[in-house]
């Protein structure tokens, strides 16, 4: 009997324990339910008009970073000696270049189609030592070939490629020896600097006595040239066309210069007309004949007409030239 009661008590205890166990599991905190993901916002509606793409910024032209008219000092080397020179910076937007020049040693003259730097010790109408910088509508290669051919008529020229500090690669032609193998009184070095609209031509003229000094100074000035987009149309001026035609005529007939200087017979070159369409240069020979050079002011291409003494009508000849070839 006692054994039966004990069994009953143990069974009851097990039942109570099992019930408590089940109650404990029911009260155990369930893991927090995962929050429902936040509803994604509705996509923004595309604009009705697609904005135009932003234009890429124009690449700035190479530049020294100096302002027009800025003055400063620079050190150059001449004949192995360092020399401090006063430079002035210039920007010529019409011709498309900027550079520095020694404002104490050279007089600057800015013309429509060129910049000229003449030694302060020279006679301005007939300078011996000067640098001229201009624009040429042809490529550097084409201009160098054409002007080199002209110079080779009187000089034994040398041609080389070099790198300027500012403008980079260029072509240089040296005319420092005549056909007899001698150094002429006047020497010439011409730099042909490539540009997107043709080239820039820097012509350094200097006497044989000043070759070491002025030749080096002009090279240092050429090193400061930077090419810019040209804003002008690149026209040659009437006065410059006259000078080019004169040089061309004297090259063909060297006696003309002595006849002109003697003044015994009337020989002259003058601007006959100049307008938007072209330039006409008149050459009056000592024979009385009149020759007219009809110049395209941009390309430089020129054809020739003649008016014989007593005639009333010009006759076109087969003669042609390019005045840019004679502008050095």
Protein backbone atom coordinates (compact mmCIF):
# COMPACT_ATOMS: atom_id res chain seq x y z
CA UNK A 1 0.00 0.00 0.00
CA UNK A 2 2.80 2.32 0.95
CA UNK A 3 4.60 1.36 -2.21
CA UNK A 4 1.55 2.30 -4.26
CA UNK A 5 1.21 5.70 -2.58
CA UNK A 6 4.87 6.41 -3.19
CA UNK A 7 4.49 5.58 -6.83
CA UNK A 8 1.48 7.83 -7.03
CA UNK A 9 3.34 10.71 -5.35
CA UNK A 10 6.32 10.36 -7.74
CA UNK A 11 3.99 10.27 -10.74
CA UNK A 12 2.22 13.39 -9.51
CA UNK A 13 5.55 15.16 -9.02
CA UNK A 14 6.63 14.27 -12.52
CA UNK A 15 3.36 15.57 -13.92
CA UNK A 16 3.74 18.87 -11.99
CA UNK A 17 7.38 19.20 -13.15
CA UNK A 18 6.42 18.59 -16.73
CA UNK A 19 3.67 21.19 -16.48
CA UNK A 20 6.06 23.75 -15.03
CA UNK A 21 8.54 22.98 -17.75
CA UNK A 22 5.97 23.55 -20.42
CA UNK A 23 4.89 26.80 -18.77
CA UNK A 24 8.51 27.97 -18.68
CA UNK A 25 8.97 27.47 -22.41
CA UNK A 26 5.76 29.36 -23.10
CA UNK A 27 7.00 32.35 -21.11
CA UNK A 28 10.43 32.43 -22.69
CA UNK A 29 10.70 35.60 -24.76
CA UNK A 30 10.43 34.87 -28.37
CA UNK A 31 13.05 36.46 -30.56
CA UNK A 32 12.04 39.90 -31.71
CA UNK A 33 10.43 39.65 -35.05
CA UNK A 34 12.43 41.10 -37.88
CA UNK A 35 11.05 44.47 -38.83
CA UNK A 36 9.50 44.62 -42.19
CA UNK A 37 11.84 46.41 -44.57
CA UNK A 38 11.03 50.03 -45.04
CA UNK A 39 9.22 50.48 -48.25
CA UNK A 40 11.58 51.94 -50.85
CA UNK A 41 10.64 55.41 -51.94
CA UNK A 42 9.10 55.67 -55.30
CA UNK A 43 11.75 56.47 -57.90
CA UNK A 44 12.01 60.12 -58.81
CA UNK A 45 10.39 60.77 -62.10
CA UNK A 46 12.80 61.57 -64.89
CA UNK A 47 12.75 65.20 -65.92
CA UNK A 48 10.68 65.89 -68.93
CA UNK A 49 13.69 67.49 -70.69
CA UNK A 50 17.17 66.03 -70.60
CA UNK A 51 19.58 68.84 -69.79
CA UNK A 52 22.13 69.55 -72.49
CA UNK A 53 25.60 68.19 -71.70
CA UNK A 54 28.03 70.75 -70.36
CA UNK A 55 30.48 71.91 -73.00
CA UNK A 56 34.03 70.88 -72.12
CA UNK A 57 36.18 73.80 -71.08
CA UNK A 58 38.36 75.07 -73.87
CA UNK A 59 41.97 74.09 -73.38
CA UNK A 60 43.90 77.25 -72.61
CA UNK A 61 46.65 78.22 -74.99
CA UNK A 62 50.23 77.74 -73.80
CA UNK A 63 51.24 80.80 -71.84
CA UNK A 64 54.00 82.09 -69.64
CA UNK A 65 51.37 83.29 -67.18
CA UNK A 66 52.67 86.87 -67.33
CA UNK A 67 50.48 89.87 -67.99
CA UNK A 68 50.97 92.14 -70.97
CA UNK A 69 53.47 94.86 -70.05
CA UNK A 70 54.87 93.00 -67.05
CA UNK A 71 58.51 93.91 -66.39
CA UNK A 72 61.00 91.65 -64.66
CA UNK A 73 64.65 90.62 -64.72
CA UNK A 74 66.12 87.51 -66.30
CA UNK A 75 69.60 86.04 -66.51
CA UNK A 76 71.00 85.04 -69.90
CA UNK A 77 74.42 83.72 -70.89
CA UNK A 78 76.44 85.52 -73.58
CA UNK A 79 79.91 84.29 -74.52
CA UNK A 80 80.05 82.21 -71.36
CA UNK A 81 79.18 85.11 -69.07
CA UNK A 82 75.92 85.53 -67.19
CA UNK A 83 74.13 88.82 -67.69
CA UNK A 84 71.01 90.16 -65.99
CA UNK A 85 68.68 91.80 -68.49
CA UNK A 86 65.44 93.74 -67.98
CA UNK A 87 62.59 92.11 -69.86
CA UNK A 88 59.10 93.30 -70.71
CA UNK A 89 56.36 90.83 -71.56
CA UNK A 90 54.08 91.48 -74.53
CA UNK A 91 50.96 89.74 -75.79
CA UNK A 92 49.92 90.25 -79.42
CA UNK A 93 46.52 88.63 -79.82
CA UNK A 94 46.09 89.69 -83.45
CA UNK A 95 49.25 87.90 -84.58
CA UNK A 96 48.90 85.11 -82.03
CA UNK A 97 51.99 85.10 -79.84
CA UNK A 98 53.49 86.40 -76.64
CA UNK A 99 57.14 86.92 -75.74
CA UNK A 100 59.67 88.87 -73.69
CA UNK A 101 62.15 91.45 -74.97
CA UNK A 102 64.99 93.48 -73.50
CA UNK A 103 63.34 96.90 -73.31
CA UNK A 104 66.57 98.73 -72.49
CA UNK A 105 68.47 97.40 -75.51
CA UNK A 106 65.70 97.34 -78.15
CA UNK A 107 63.04 99.69 -79.40
CA UNK A 108 59.76 97.92 -80.01
CA UNK A 109 57.56 98.83 -82.98
CA UNK A 110 54.18 97.11 -83.24
CA UNK A 111 52.67 97.07 -86.72
CA UNK A 112 49.53 95.45 -88.07
CA UNK A 113 51.37 92.44 -89.46
CA UNK A 114 54.54 92.24 -87.35
CA UNK A 115 56.43 93.18 -84.21
CA UNK A 116 59.93 94.62 -84.69
CA UNK A 117 62.67 95.02 -82.08
CA UNK A 118 65.51 97.29 -83.25
CA UNK A 119 68.77 97.86 -81.40
CA UNK A 120 68.78 101.27 -79.71
CA UNK A 121 72.22 101.87 -81.27
CA UNK A 122 70.97 101.45 -84.85
CA UNK A 123 69.53 103.93 -87.30
CA UNK A 124 65.78 103.02 -87.27
CA UNK A 125 65.24 103.58 -91.04
CA UNK A 126 68.18 101.29 -91.84
CA UNK A 127 68.69 98.95 -88.89
CA UNK A 128 71.42 96.32 -88.84
CA UNK A 129 70.48 94.43 -85.70
CA UNK A 130 66.82 93.63 -85.24
CA UNK A 131 64.33 90.85 -84.61
CA UNK A 132 61.03 90.63 -86.44
CA UNK A 133 58.14 88.33 -85.46
CA UNK A 134 55.14 87.81 -87.73
CA UNK A 135 52.42 85.36 -88.64
CA UNK A 136 52.56 83.23 -91.81
CA UNK A 137 49.43 81.45 -93.16
CA UNK A 138 51.48 78.47 -94.31
CA UNK A 139 52.69 75.57 -92.22
CA UNK A 140 56.16 75.84 -90.69
CA UNK A 141 57.41 73.23 -93.15
CA UNK A 142 55.96 74.98 -96.21
CA UNK A 143 57.17 78.42 -95.13
CA UNK A 144 60.66 77.10 -94.35
CA UNK A 145 60.86 75.38 -97.74
CA UNK A 146 59.76 78.50 -99.64
CA UNK A 147 61.88 81.03 -97.78
CA UNK A 148 64.81 78.63 -97.69
CA UNK A 149 64.66 78.40 -101.49
CA UNK A 150 64.76 82.19 -101.76
CA UNK A 151 67.67 82.54 -99.34
CA UNK A 152 69.63 79.79 -101.06
CA UNK A 153 69.92 82.03 -104.13
CA UNK A 154 72.42 84.19 -102.22
CA UNK A 155 73.47 82.09 -99.22
CA UNK A 156 74.72 78.66 -98.38
CA UNK A 157 71.99 77.97 -95.86
CA UNK A 158 71.89 75.43 -93.07
CA UNK A 159 68.65 74.01 -91.74
CA UNK A 160 68.06 72.36 -88.39
CA UNK A 161 65.31 71.40 -85.98
CA UNK A 162 65.49 72.65 -82.44
CA UNK A 163 63.33 73.14 -79.36
CA UNK A 164 62.53 76.60 -78.03
CA UNK A 165 61.87 76.94 -74.32
CA UNK A 166 58.39 78.40 -74.80
CA UNK A 167 57.06 77.35 -78.20
CA UNK A 168 58.67 73.92 -78.40
CA UNK A 169 59.85 72.34 -81.65
CA UNK A 170 60.62 74.59 -84.59
CA UNK A 171 62.69 74.80 -87.77
CA UNK A 172 65.66 77.14 -87.95
CA UNK A 173 67.40 78.32 -91.10
CA UNK A 174 70.80 80.00 -90.82
CA UNK A 175 72.06 82.21 -93.62
CA UNK A 176 75.57 82.94 -92.41
CA UNK A 177 77.67 82.07 -95.44
CA UNK A 178 77.50 83.39 -98.99
CA UNK A 179 77.95 81.42 -102.21
CA UNK A 180 81.70 82.05 -102.09
CA UNK A 181 82.02 80.47 -98.67
CA UNK A 182 82.54 83.81 -96.97
CA UNK A 183 80.57 85.35 -94.12
CA UNK A 184 78.52 88.28 -95.46
CA UNK A 185 78.23 91.61 -93.65
CA UNK A 186 74.68 90.80 -92.57
CA UNK A 187 73.69 87.46 -91.07
CA UNK A 188 70.21 86.02 -90.77
CA UNK A 189 68.62 83.31 -88.63
CA UNK A 190 64.94 82.49 -89.20
CA UNK A 191 62.78 80.46 -86.80
CA UNK A 192 59.63 78.78 -88.14
CA UNK A 193 57.34 77.97 -85.21
CA UNK A 194 54.31 75.69 -85.87
CA UNK A 195 50.85 77.05 -85.02
CA UNK A 196 47.29 75.75 -85.57
CA UNK A 197 46.66 78.50 -88.14
CA UNK A 198 50.00 78.29 -89.97
CA UNK A 199 53.18 79.33 -88.22
CA UNK A 200 54.99 82.20 -86.56
CA UNK A 201 58.20 83.40 -88.21
CA UNK A 202 60.91 85.09 -86.15
CA UNK A 203 63.70 86.59 -88.27
CA UNK A 204 66.89 87.64 -86.49
CA UNK A 205 69.07 90.08 -88.45
CA UNK A 206 72.51 91.05 -87.15
CA UNK A 207 75.83 92.32 -88.45
CA UNK A 208 78.85 90.05 -88.55
CA UNK A 209 80.60 92.19 -85.92
CA UNK A 210 77.70 91.70 -83.51
CA UNK A 211 77.04 88.04 -84.29
CA UNK A 212 78.04 86.70 -80.87
CA UNK A 213 76.18 89.34 -78.89
CA UNK A 214 73.02 90.05 -80.88
CA UNK A 215 72.75 86.53 -82.25
CA UNK A 216 72.62 85.18 -78.71
CA UNK A 217 70.23 87.89 -77.47
CA UNK A 218 67.81 87.16 -80.31
CA UNK A 219 67.95 83.43 -79.58
CA UNK A 220 67.11 84.12 -75.93
CA UNK A 221 64.16 86.27 -77.01
CA UNK A 222 62.98 83.56 -79.41
CA UNK A 223 63.07 81.11 -76.48
CA UNK A 224 60.39 83.20 -74.73
CA UNK A 225 57.85 82.98 -77.58
CA UNK A 226 54.55 81.21 -76.89
CA UNK A 227 52.00 80.58 -79.65
CA UNK A 228 48.44 81.83 -79.04
CA UNK A 229 45.27 81.57 -81.14
CA UNK A 230 45.51 84.45 -83.61
CA UNK A 231 42.58 86.85 -83.57
CA UNK A 232 43.39 88.73 -86.78
CA UNK A 233 42.99 87.63 -90.38
CA UNK A 234 46.73 87.50 -91.07
CA UNK A 235 46.75 90.09 -93.85
CA UNK A 236 50.03 91.55 -95.02
CA UNK A 237 50.04 95.34 -94.87
CA UNK A 238 50.45 97.51 -97.95
CA UNK A 239 53.76 98.95 -96.76
CA UNK A 240 55.13 95.50 -96.09
CA UNK A 241 53.99 94.29 -99.51
CA UNK A 242 55.92 97.18 -101.05
CA UNK A 243 59.06 96.16 -99.17
CA UNK A 244 58.66 92.54 -100.21
CA UNK A 245 58.23 93.42 -103.88
CA UNK A 246 61.25 95.72 -103.72
CA UNK A 247 63.38 92.94 -102.25
CA UNK A 248 62.12 90.56 -104.93
CA UNK A 249 62.95 92.97 -107.77
CA UNK A 250 66.44 93.73 -106.45
CA UNK A 251 67.16 90.01 -106.08
CA UNK A 252 66.26 89.58 -109.75
CA UNK A 253 68.27 92.66 -110.81
CA UNK A 254 70.89 93.69 -108.20
CA UNK A 255 71.77 96.83 -110.21
CA UNK A 256 68.42 98.35 -109.27
CA UNK A 257 69.63 99.17 -105.76
CA UNK A 258 72.63 101.17 -106.95
CA UNK A 259 70.49 102.96 -109.56
CA UNK A 260 67.97 103.81 -106.86
CA UNK A 261 70.65 105.14 -104.53
CA UNK A 262 72.35 107.18 -107.26
CA UNK A 263 69.10 109.02 -107.94
CA UNK A 264 70.06 109.81 -111.52
CA UNK A 265 67.08 107.94 -112.94
CA UNK A 266 63.67 107.63 -111.33
CA UNK A 267 63.35 104.17 -109.80
CA UNK A 268 60.81 103.53 -107.08
CA UNK A 269 58.25 101.19 -105.55
CA UNK A 270 55.00 102.53 -104.16
CA UNK A 271 51.60 101.43 -102.98
CA UNK A 272 49.21 101.88 -105.88
CA UNK A 273 46.08 100.71 -104.08
CA UNK A 274 44.93 98.73 -101.06
CA UNK A 275 41.44 97.51 -100.20
CA UNK A 276 39.63 94.47 -98.82
CA UNK A 277 40.15 92.56 -102.07
CA UNK A 278 43.82 93.08 -102.57
CA UNK A 279 46.95 95.19 -102.77
CA UNK A 280 48.64 96.60 -105.86
CA UNK A 281 52.29 97.61 -105.75
CA UNK A 282 53.75 99.73 -108.55
CA UNK A 283 57.38 99.40 -109.61
CA UNK A 284 58.57 102.20 -111.84
CA UNK A 285 61.76 101.21 -113.68
CA UNK A 286 64.45 103.63 -114.84
CA UNK A 287 63.40 102.66 -118.37
CA UNK A 288 60.01 104.23 -117.77
CA UNK A 289 58.17 100.90 -117.77
CA UNK A 290 55.62 100.33 -115.02
CA UNK A 291 55.06 96.94 -113.46
CA UNK A 292 52.10 96.21 -111.19
CA UNK A 293 52.16 93.47 -108.56
CA UNK A 294 48.65 92.31 -107.60
CA UNK A 295 48.85 90.80 -104.11
CA UNK A 296 46.37 88.61 -102.26
CA UNK A 297 46.90 90.07 -98.78
CA UNK A 298 46.21 86.80 -96.93
CA UNK A 299 47.79 84.05 -99.03
CA UNK A 300 50.50 86.34 -100.42
CA UNK A 301 50.01 84.95 -103.93
CA UNK A 302 50.89 87.63 -106.49
CA UNK A 303 50.52 88.01 -110.24
CA UNK A 304 52.13 90.65 -112.41
CA UNK A 305 50.95 93.07 -115.12
CA UNK A 306 53.00 95.49 -117.19
CA UNK A 307 52.37 98.86 -118.77
CA UNK A 308 54.89 99.77 -121.45
CA UNK A 309 55.80 103.43 -122.05
CA UNK A 310 53.06 105.03 -124.18
CA UNK A 311 50.67 102.11 -123.69
CA UNK A 312 47.24 102.57 -122.12
CA UNK A 313 46.49 98.98 -121.14
CA UNK A 314 48.12 96.63 -118.68
CA UNK A 315 49.16 93.22 -119.96
CA UNK A 316 49.34 90.26 -117.63
CA UNK A 317 52.61 88.34 -117.69
CA UNK A 318 53.47 84.76 -116.73
CA UNK A 319 55.40 86.01 -113.70
CA UNK A 320 54.11 85.03 -110.24
CA UNK A 321 55.49 85.09 -106.71
CA UNK A 322 54.44 84.95 -103.09
CA UNK A 323 55.24 88.09 -101.12
CA UNK A 324 55.46 86.13 -97.88
CA UNK A 325 58.62 84.51 -99.33
CA UNK A 326 60.23 87.95 -99.43
CA UNK A 327 59.06 89.13 -96.03
CA UNK A 328 62.05 88.28 -93.87
